[in-house]
N, C-alpha and C. Protein backbone atom coordinates (compact mmCIF):
# COMPACT_ATOMS: atom_id res chain seq x y z
N MET A 1 62.75 -74.55 64.29
CA MET A 1 61.36 -74.17 64.18
C MET A 1 60.70 -75.00 63.09
N GLN A 2 59.55 -75.59 63.39
CA GLN A 2 58.87 -76.43 62.43
C GLN A 2 58.00 -75.56 61.51
N CYS A 3 58.15 -75.78 60.23
CA CYS A 3 57.38 -75.02 59.25
C CYS A 3 56.21 -75.87 58.79
N ARG A 4 55.03 -75.34 58.82
CA ARG A 4 53.85 -76.07 58.37
C ARG A 4 53.29 -75.40 57.14
N LYS A 5 52.86 -76.22 56.24
CA LYS A 5 52.18 -75.71 55.06
C LYS A 5 50.69 -75.72 55.34
N HIS A 6 50.02 -74.70 54.94
CA HIS A 6 48.57 -74.63 55.09
C HIS A 6 47.98 -74.64 53.69
N LEU A 7 47.29 -75.72 53.39
CA LEU A 7 46.66 -75.89 52.11
C LEU A 7 45.16 -75.80 52.33
N VAL A 8 44.41 -75.92 51.28
CA VAL A 8 42.96 -75.84 51.42
C VAL A 8 42.35 -77.21 51.23
N LEU A 9 41.50 -77.59 52.14
CA LEU A 9 40.74 -78.82 52.04
C LEU A 9 39.27 -78.41 52.00
N VAL A 10 38.59 -78.84 50.99
CA VAL A 10 37.16 -78.58 50.88
C VAL A 10 36.47 -79.93 51.02
N PHE A 11 35.66 -80.09 52.04
CA PHE A 11 34.95 -81.34 52.22
C PHE A 11 33.79 -81.36 51.24
N ALA A 12 33.78 -82.34 50.40
CA ALA A 12 32.74 -82.46 49.39
C ALA A 12 31.76 -83.52 49.89
N ALA A 13 30.67 -83.08 50.44
CA ALA A 13 29.75 -84.00 51.10
C ALA A 13 28.77 -84.64 50.11
N MET A 14 28.50 -85.89 50.37
CA MET A 14 27.45 -86.66 49.72
C MET A 14 27.51 -86.64 48.20
N PHE A 15 28.41 -87.41 47.65
CA PHE A 15 28.50 -87.57 46.21
C PHE A 15 27.82 -88.86 45.82
N LEU A 16 27.27 -88.89 44.63
CA LEU A 16 26.75 -90.13 44.10
C LEU A 16 27.69 -90.58 42.99
N ALA A 17 27.78 -91.87 42.75
CA ALA A 17 28.73 -92.41 41.79
C ALA A 17 28.42 -91.94 40.38
N SER A 18 29.50 -91.73 39.60
CA SER A 18 29.39 -91.45 38.17
C SER A 18 30.64 -92.01 37.52
N ASN A 19 30.66 -92.10 36.21
CA ASN A 19 31.80 -92.67 35.52
C ASN A 19 32.90 -91.63 35.35
N ILE A 20 34.13 -92.02 35.74
CA ILE A 20 35.30 -91.17 35.59
C ILE A 20 36.38 -92.03 34.96
N SER A 21 37.10 -91.49 34.01
CA SER A 21 38.18 -92.23 33.36
C SER A 21 39.23 -92.65 34.39
N MET A 22 39.71 -93.85 34.29
CA MET A 22 40.65 -94.38 35.27
C MET A 22 42.10 -94.35 34.78
N GLY A 23 42.39 -93.67 33.69
CA GLY A 23 43.79 -93.50 33.29
C GLY A 23 44.27 -94.54 32.30
N ALA A 24 45.56 -94.55 32.07
CA ALA A 24 46.22 -95.37 31.07
C ALA A 24 46.65 -96.71 31.66
N PRO A 25 47.15 -97.60 30.82
CA PRO A 25 47.65 -98.88 31.32
C PRO A 25 48.79 -98.68 32.33
N PRO A 26 48.97 -99.63 33.25
CA PRO A 26 49.98 -99.48 34.30
C PRO A 26 51.40 -99.30 33.79
N ALA A 27 52.04 -98.26 34.25
CA ALA A 27 53.46 -98.02 33.97
C ALA A 27 53.90 -96.80 34.76
N PHE A 28 55.06 -96.89 35.37
CA PHE A 28 55.60 -95.73 36.08
C PHE A 28 56.88 -95.26 35.40
N ASN A 29 57.14 -95.76 34.18
CA ASN A 29 58.37 -95.38 33.47
C ASN A 29 58.34 -93.92 33.04
N GLU A 30 57.18 -93.45 32.69
CA GLU A 30 57.06 -92.06 32.25
C GLU A 30 55.95 -91.40 33.05
N PHE A 31 56.03 -90.08 33.15
CA PHE A 31 55.01 -89.35 33.91
C PHE A 31 53.84 -89.07 32.98
N LYS A 32 52.66 -89.50 33.36
CA LYS A 32 51.46 -89.27 32.57
C LYS A 32 50.35 -88.75 33.48
N HIS A 33 49.94 -87.50 33.24
CA HIS A 33 48.87 -86.92 34.05
C HIS A 33 47.64 -87.82 34.01
N GLY A 34 47.09 -88.08 35.20
CA GLY A 34 45.87 -88.86 35.30
C GLY A 34 46.09 -90.35 35.46
N TYR A 35 47.34 -90.81 35.31
CA TYR A 35 47.59 -92.23 35.48
C TYR A 35 47.33 -92.61 36.94
N GLN A 36 46.67 -93.75 37.14
CA GLN A 36 46.34 -94.22 38.48
C GLN A 36 46.63 -95.71 38.57
N LYS A 37 47.09 -96.12 39.71
CA LYS A 37 47.30 -97.55 39.95
C LYS A 37 46.72 -97.89 41.31
N SER A 38 45.71 -98.74 41.29
CA SER A 38 45.11 -99.22 42.53
C SER A 38 45.81 -100.50 42.94
N LEU A 39 46.16 -100.60 44.22
CA LEU A 39 46.86 -101.77 44.73
C LEU A 39 45.93 -102.72 45.48
N VAL A 40 44.65 -102.39 45.48
CA VAL A 40 43.63 -103.24 46.11
C VAL A 40 42.51 -103.48 45.10
N SER A 41 41.73 -104.51 45.35
CA SER A 41 40.66 -104.85 44.40
C SER A 41 39.30 -104.31 44.82
N HIS A 42 39.26 -103.49 45.85
CA HIS A 42 37.99 -102.95 46.34
C HIS A 42 37.38 -101.99 45.31
N GLU A 43 36.05 -101.95 45.29
CA GLU A 43 35.35 -101.06 44.37
C GLU A 43 35.70 -99.60 44.68
N ARG A 44 35.96 -98.83 43.64
CA ARG A 44 36.33 -97.42 43.79
C ARG A 44 35.10 -96.56 43.54
N ILE A 45 34.45 -96.11 44.63
CA ILE A 45 33.20 -95.36 44.48
C ILE A 45 33.22 -93.98 45.12
N ALA A 46 34.19 -93.68 45.96
CA ALA A 46 34.22 -92.39 46.66
C ALA A 46 35.00 -91.36 45.84
N PRO A 47 34.43 -90.18 45.62
CA PRO A 47 35.09 -89.18 44.79
C PRO A 47 36.24 -88.46 45.51
N LEU A 48 37.29 -88.22 44.75
CA LEU A 48 38.44 -87.45 45.23
C LEU A 48 38.88 -86.53 44.09
N ALA A 49 38.92 -85.24 44.38
CA ALA A 49 39.41 -84.25 43.40
C ALA A 49 40.62 -83.55 44.02
N ILE A 50 41.67 -83.37 43.21
CA ILE A 50 42.89 -82.73 43.70
C ILE A 50 43.27 -81.61 42.74
N ARG A 51 43.50 -80.42 43.30
CA ARG A 51 44.00 -79.27 42.53
C ARG A 51 45.41 -78.98 42.97
N THR A 52 46.24 -78.62 42.00
CA THR A 52 47.63 -78.26 42.28
C THR A 52 47.96 -76.99 41.50
N SER A 53 49.04 -76.34 41.88
CA SER A 53 49.47 -75.16 41.14
C SER A 53 50.46 -75.58 40.06
N PRO A 54 50.55 -74.81 38.99
CA PRO A 54 51.50 -75.13 37.92
C PRO A 54 52.93 -75.07 38.44
N GLY A 55 53.81 -75.80 37.80
CA GLY A 55 55.23 -75.77 38.16
C GLY A 55 55.76 -77.14 38.48
N ASP A 56 55.30 -77.72 39.58
CA ASP A 56 55.74 -79.07 39.95
C ASP A 56 54.72 -80.10 39.48
N ASN A 57 55.17 -81.33 39.40
CA ASN A 57 54.28 -82.47 39.17
C ASN A 57 54.20 -83.25 40.47
N TYR A 58 53.18 -84.10 40.59
CA TYR A 58 52.91 -84.77 41.86
C TYR A 58 52.65 -86.25 41.65
N LEU A 59 53.21 -87.05 42.54
CA LEU A 59 52.81 -88.44 42.68
C LEU A 59 52.12 -88.51 44.04
N VAL A 60 50.81 -88.75 44.01
CA VAL A 60 50.02 -88.79 45.25
C VAL A 60 49.79 -90.25 45.61
N LYS A 61 49.97 -90.55 46.88
CA LYS A 61 49.81 -91.92 47.36
C LYS A 61 48.77 -91.95 48.47
N LEU A 62 47.77 -92.79 48.30
CA LEU A 62 46.75 -93.02 49.30
C LEU A 62 47.21 -94.21 50.14
N VAL A 63 47.25 -94.03 51.48
CA VAL A 63 47.77 -95.05 52.38
C VAL A 63 46.71 -95.36 53.44
N ASP A 64 46.49 -96.63 53.70
CA ASP A 64 45.54 -97.03 54.74
C ASP A 64 45.99 -96.43 56.07
N ALA A 65 45.10 -95.67 56.72
CA ALA A 65 45.46 -94.96 57.95
C ALA A 65 45.68 -95.90 59.13
N LEU A 66 45.12 -97.09 59.08
CA LEU A 66 45.24 -98.01 60.21
C LEU A 66 46.52 -98.83 60.18
N ASN A 67 46.94 -99.27 58.97
CA ASN A 67 48.10 -100.16 58.92
C ASN A 67 49.23 -99.67 58.01
N GLY A 68 49.05 -98.52 57.37
CA GLY A 68 50.11 -97.94 56.55
C GLY A 68 50.31 -98.59 55.19
N THR A 69 49.43 -99.48 54.80
CA THR A 69 49.54 -100.17 53.51
C THR A 69 49.16 -99.23 52.37
N PRO A 70 50.00 -99.13 51.34
CA PRO A 70 49.64 -98.32 50.17
C PRO A 70 48.40 -98.89 49.49
N VAL A 71 47.48 -97.99 49.09
CA VAL A 71 46.23 -98.40 48.47
C VAL A 71 46.18 -97.97 47.00
N MET A 72 46.74 -96.79 46.70
CA MET A 72 46.60 -96.25 45.35
C MET A 72 47.64 -95.17 45.09
N TYR A 73 48.11 -95.10 43.84
CA TYR A 73 49.00 -94.04 43.37
C TYR A 73 48.28 -93.24 42.29
N MET A 74 48.55 -91.94 42.23
CA MET A 74 47.98 -91.07 41.21
C MET A 74 49.04 -90.07 40.74
N MET A 75 49.16 -89.89 39.43
CA MET A 75 50.10 -88.91 38.87
C MET A 75 49.32 -87.67 38.46
N ILE A 76 49.79 -86.51 38.92
CA ILE A 76 49.08 -85.26 38.63
C ILE A 76 50.07 -84.22 38.13
N GLU A 77 49.80 -83.69 36.96
CA GLU A 77 50.62 -82.60 36.42
C GLU A 77 50.17 -81.31 37.08
N GLY A 78 51.12 -80.56 37.60
CA GLY A 78 50.80 -79.31 38.29
C GLY A 78 49.95 -78.38 37.44
N GLY A 79 48.87 -77.87 38.05
CA GLY A 79 48.00 -76.92 37.37
C GLY A 79 46.85 -77.55 36.61
N ARG A 80 46.86 -78.87 36.46
CA ARG A 80 45.77 -79.54 35.73
C ARG A 80 44.79 -80.16 36.73
N PRO A 81 43.50 -80.05 36.46
CA PRO A 81 42.51 -80.65 37.36
C PRO A 81 42.61 -82.17 37.33
N PHE A 82 42.27 -82.78 38.46
CA PHE A 82 42.34 -84.23 38.58
C PHE A 82 41.16 -84.71 39.41
N GLU A 83 40.43 -85.69 38.90
CA GLU A 83 39.32 -86.30 39.63
C GLU A 83 39.39 -87.80 39.47
N THR A 84 39.03 -88.51 40.51
CA THR A 84 39.02 -89.97 40.47
C THR A 84 38.02 -90.49 41.48
N ARG A 85 37.96 -91.80 41.58
CA ARG A 85 37.18 -92.49 42.61
C ARG A 85 38.15 -93.38 43.37
N VAL A 86 37.96 -93.48 44.68
CA VAL A 86 38.83 -94.31 45.51
C VAL A 86 37.96 -95.29 46.30
N PRO A 87 38.56 -96.37 46.81
CA PRO A 87 37.79 -97.30 47.63
C PRO A 87 37.36 -96.65 48.95
N LEU A 88 36.29 -97.13 49.51
CA LEU A 88 35.88 -96.66 50.83
C LEU A 88 36.95 -97.04 51.84
N GLY A 89 37.18 -96.16 52.82
CA GLY A 89 38.17 -96.44 53.85
C GLY A 89 38.68 -95.15 54.45
N ILE A 90 39.56 -95.29 55.43
CA ILE A 90 40.19 -94.14 56.09
C ILE A 90 41.64 -94.13 55.65
N TYR A 91 42.04 -93.01 55.04
CA TYR A 91 43.36 -92.93 54.41
C TYR A 91 44.16 -91.73 54.86
N ARG A 92 45.47 -91.87 54.73
CA ARG A 92 46.41 -90.75 54.81
C ARG A 92 46.80 -90.43 53.38
N ILE A 93 47.07 -89.17 53.11
CA ILE A 93 47.51 -88.76 51.77
C ILE A 93 48.94 -88.28 51.86
N ARG A 94 49.80 -88.94 51.10
CA ARG A 94 51.20 -88.55 50.98
C ARG A 94 51.44 -88.14 49.54
N TYR A 95 52.39 -87.23 49.35
CA TYR A 95 52.70 -86.87 47.98
C TYR A 95 54.17 -86.49 47.83
N ALA A 96 54.66 -86.78 46.63
CA ALA A 96 56.01 -86.39 46.23
C ALA A 96 55.84 -85.36 45.13
N ALA A 97 56.64 -84.31 45.18
CA ALA A 97 56.54 -83.24 44.17
C ALA A 97 57.91 -82.94 43.59
N GLY A 98 57.91 -82.58 42.33
CA GLY A 98 59.16 -82.23 41.66
C GLY A 98 58.91 -81.90 40.21
N LYS A 99 59.96 -81.57 39.51
CA LYS A 99 59.85 -81.13 38.12
C LYS A 99 59.98 -82.27 37.12
N GLN A 100 61.03 -83.07 37.23
CA GLN A 100 61.35 -84.08 36.22
C GLN A 100 61.19 -85.48 36.79
N TRP A 101 60.20 -86.21 36.31
CA TRP A 101 59.93 -87.56 36.79
C TRP A 101 61.04 -88.51 36.34
N LEU A 102 61.52 -89.36 37.27
CA LEU A 102 62.51 -90.37 36.93
C LEU A 102 61.87 -91.76 36.92
N ASN A 103 61.44 -92.22 38.09
CA ASN A 103 60.78 -93.52 38.21
C ASN A 103 60.24 -93.65 39.62
N LEU A 104 59.59 -94.78 39.90
CA LEU A 104 58.94 -94.95 41.20
C LEU A 104 59.94 -95.00 42.36
N ASN A 105 61.15 -95.47 42.13
CA ASN A 105 62.15 -95.51 43.20
C ASN A 105 62.81 -94.15 43.43
N ASP A 106 63.17 -93.47 42.35
CA ASP A 106 63.89 -92.19 42.45
C ASP A 106 62.95 -90.99 42.46
N LEU A 107 61.69 -91.23 42.15
CA LEU A 107 60.67 -90.18 42.10
C LEU A 107 61.11 -89.06 41.17
N PHE A 108 61.27 -87.84 41.69
CA PHE A 108 61.67 -86.70 40.87
C PHE A 108 63.16 -86.36 41.07
N GLY A 109 63.93 -87.33 41.53
CA GLY A 109 65.36 -87.11 41.70
C GLY A 109 65.70 -86.46 43.04
N GLU A 110 66.90 -85.91 43.11
CA GLU A 110 67.40 -85.37 44.38
C GLU A 110 66.62 -84.18 44.91
N HIS A 111 65.85 -83.51 44.05
CA HIS A 111 65.09 -82.34 44.50
C HIS A 111 63.63 -82.67 44.82
N THR A 112 63.32 -83.97 44.95
CA THR A 112 61.97 -84.39 45.30
C THR A 112 61.61 -83.89 46.70
N VAL A 113 60.41 -83.36 46.84
CA VAL A 113 59.87 -82.95 48.14
C VAL A 113 58.76 -83.93 48.49
N THR A 114 58.86 -84.57 49.66
CA THR A 114 57.84 -85.53 50.08
C THR A 114 57.11 -84.99 51.31
N SER A 115 55.78 -85.08 51.27
CA SER A 115 54.94 -84.52 52.34
C SER A 115 53.78 -85.45 52.62
N GLU A 116 53.13 -85.18 53.77
CA GLU A 116 51.94 -85.94 54.16
C GLU A 116 50.95 -84.98 54.82
N ALA A 117 49.66 -85.16 54.50
CA ALA A 117 48.62 -84.41 55.19
C ALA A 117 48.58 -84.89 56.63
N GLU A 118 48.40 -83.98 57.56
CA GLU A 118 48.40 -84.33 58.99
C GLU A 118 47.10 -84.96 59.46
N GLN A 119 46.09 -84.96 58.64
CA GLN A 119 44.82 -85.55 59.02
C GLN A 119 44.54 -86.77 58.16
N SER A 120 43.63 -87.59 58.63
CA SER A 120 43.15 -88.73 57.85
C SER A 120 41.88 -88.33 57.12
N PHE A 121 41.59 -89.05 56.05
CA PHE A 121 40.41 -88.78 55.22
C PHE A 121 39.52 -90.02 55.25
N ASN A 122 38.27 -89.82 55.67
CA ASN A 122 37.33 -90.93 55.83
C ASN A 122 36.35 -90.94 54.67
N PHE A 123 36.61 -91.80 53.70
CA PHE A 123 35.71 -91.99 52.56
C PHE A 123 34.73 -93.08 52.97
N ARG A 124 33.46 -92.71 53.11
CA ARG A 124 32.49 -93.67 53.66
C ARG A 124 31.13 -93.53 52.99
N ARG A 125 30.36 -94.59 53.15
CA ARG A 125 28.98 -94.60 52.66
C ARG A 125 28.10 -94.01 53.77
N THR A 126 27.13 -93.21 53.37
CA THR A 126 26.16 -92.65 54.32
C THR A 126 24.76 -92.95 53.81
N ALA A 127 23.78 -92.54 54.56
CA ALA A 127 22.39 -92.76 54.14
C ALA A 127 22.07 -92.02 52.84
N ASP A 128 22.79 -90.92 52.59
CA ASP A 128 22.51 -90.10 51.41
C ASP A 128 23.44 -90.34 50.23
N GLY A 129 24.43 -91.18 50.38
CA GLY A 129 25.37 -91.42 49.29
C GLY A 129 26.74 -91.79 49.82
N VAL A 130 27.76 -91.21 49.20
CA VAL A 130 29.15 -91.50 49.56
C VAL A 130 29.87 -90.18 49.79
N THR A 131 30.64 -90.10 50.87
CA THR A 131 31.40 -88.87 51.12
C THR A 131 32.71 -88.90 50.34
N GLY A 132 33.15 -87.73 49.96
CA GLY A 132 34.39 -87.59 49.22
C GLY A 132 35.07 -86.28 49.61
N TYR A 133 36.19 -86.00 48.95
CA TYR A 133 36.96 -84.80 49.29
C TYR A 133 37.46 -84.10 48.03
N GLN A 134 37.58 -82.79 48.17
CA GLN A 134 38.25 -81.96 47.18
C GLN A 134 39.42 -81.31 47.91
N ILE A 135 40.63 -81.56 47.42
CA ILE A 135 41.84 -81.10 48.10
C ILE A 135 42.63 -80.18 47.18
N GLU A 136 43.14 -79.10 47.73
CA GLU A 136 44.04 -78.21 46.99
C GLU A 136 45.43 -78.33 47.61
N LEU A 137 46.37 -78.86 46.85
CA LEU A 137 47.75 -78.93 47.30
C LEU A 137 48.46 -77.66 46.84
N ILE A 138 47.92 -76.54 47.25
CA ILE A 138 48.42 -75.22 46.88
C ILE A 138 48.63 -74.45 48.18
N LEU A 139 49.84 -74.01 48.41
CA LEU A 139 50.16 -73.28 49.63
C LEU A 139 49.29 -72.02 49.71
N GLN A 140 48.58 -71.86 50.84
CA GLN A 140 47.68 -70.72 51.02
C GLN A 140 47.77 -70.22 52.45
N ARG A 141 47.65 -68.92 52.58
CA ARG A 141 47.76 -68.28 53.89
C ARG A 141 46.69 -68.77 54.86
N SER A 142 45.46 -68.91 54.42
CA SER A 142 44.37 -69.31 55.31
C SER A 142 43.91 -70.74 55.05
N GLY A 143 44.80 -71.56 54.55
CA GLY A 143 44.43 -72.93 54.23
C GLY A 143 44.08 -73.74 55.46
N ASN A 144 43.30 -74.80 55.26
CA ASN A 144 42.87 -75.61 56.40
C ASN A 144 43.37 -77.06 56.31
N LEU A 145 44.27 -77.33 55.40
CA LEU A 145 44.87 -78.66 55.31
C LEU A 145 46.33 -78.53 55.69
N HIS A 146 46.67 -79.04 56.85
CA HIS A 146 48.05 -78.95 57.33
C HIS A 146 48.84 -80.14 56.82
N THR A 147 50.02 -79.87 56.31
CA THR A 147 50.90 -80.93 55.83
C THR A 147 52.24 -80.82 56.53
N LYS A 148 52.97 -81.91 56.50
CA LYS A 148 54.31 -81.89 57.08
C LYS A 148 55.25 -82.61 56.12
N ALA A 149 56.50 -82.18 56.13
CA ALA A 149 57.52 -82.87 55.34
C ALA A 149 57.78 -84.23 55.96
N ILE A 150 57.98 -85.23 55.12
CA ILE A 150 58.32 -86.56 55.61
C ILE A 150 59.58 -87.04 54.88
N PRO A 151 60.35 -87.91 55.51
CA PRO A 151 61.53 -88.46 54.83
C PRO A 151 61.09 -89.25 53.60
N ARG A 152 61.92 -89.23 52.58
CA ARG A 152 61.59 -89.95 51.35
C ARG A 152 61.32 -91.43 51.64
N ALA A 153 62.07 -92.03 52.55
CA ALA A 153 61.88 -93.44 52.89
C ALA A 153 60.50 -93.71 53.47
N GLN A 154 59.88 -92.71 54.08
CA GLN A 154 58.55 -92.86 54.65
C GLN A 154 57.46 -92.70 53.60
N PHE A 155 57.81 -92.10 52.46
CA PHE A 155 56.84 -91.92 51.40
C PHE A 155 56.35 -93.26 50.91
């Protein structure tokens, strides 16, 4: 029997750009809440907010929905608010969760849980501004964001 997680996705319509801190210098040696690494040079103007519950930490990966190319990594400490800007595009969101960060290859060690949202997210420019998303990676009974477990190699 396949188990699905139901999380909450709140569509945050029509955001206008504002300044948001982009995190610390690049390094994945230690876990630092808010650290972000963009793998593309496109302007980051679309807002993305992610809420998590305390307990686990998260490495969130934005992946191009058309070709599977990684676009951005974000480190989020469970229970702490996180906001950023991402490039315009259609993306899949994958995440690894666990307690003790090791490194980018080992993630959170043998107890790492890797998942992917079942839907794509379309960050786009509109006549009124830029669309963005607010996502809660918190298991909820009536959640509207379906996720599925994925093999670590697919993360």
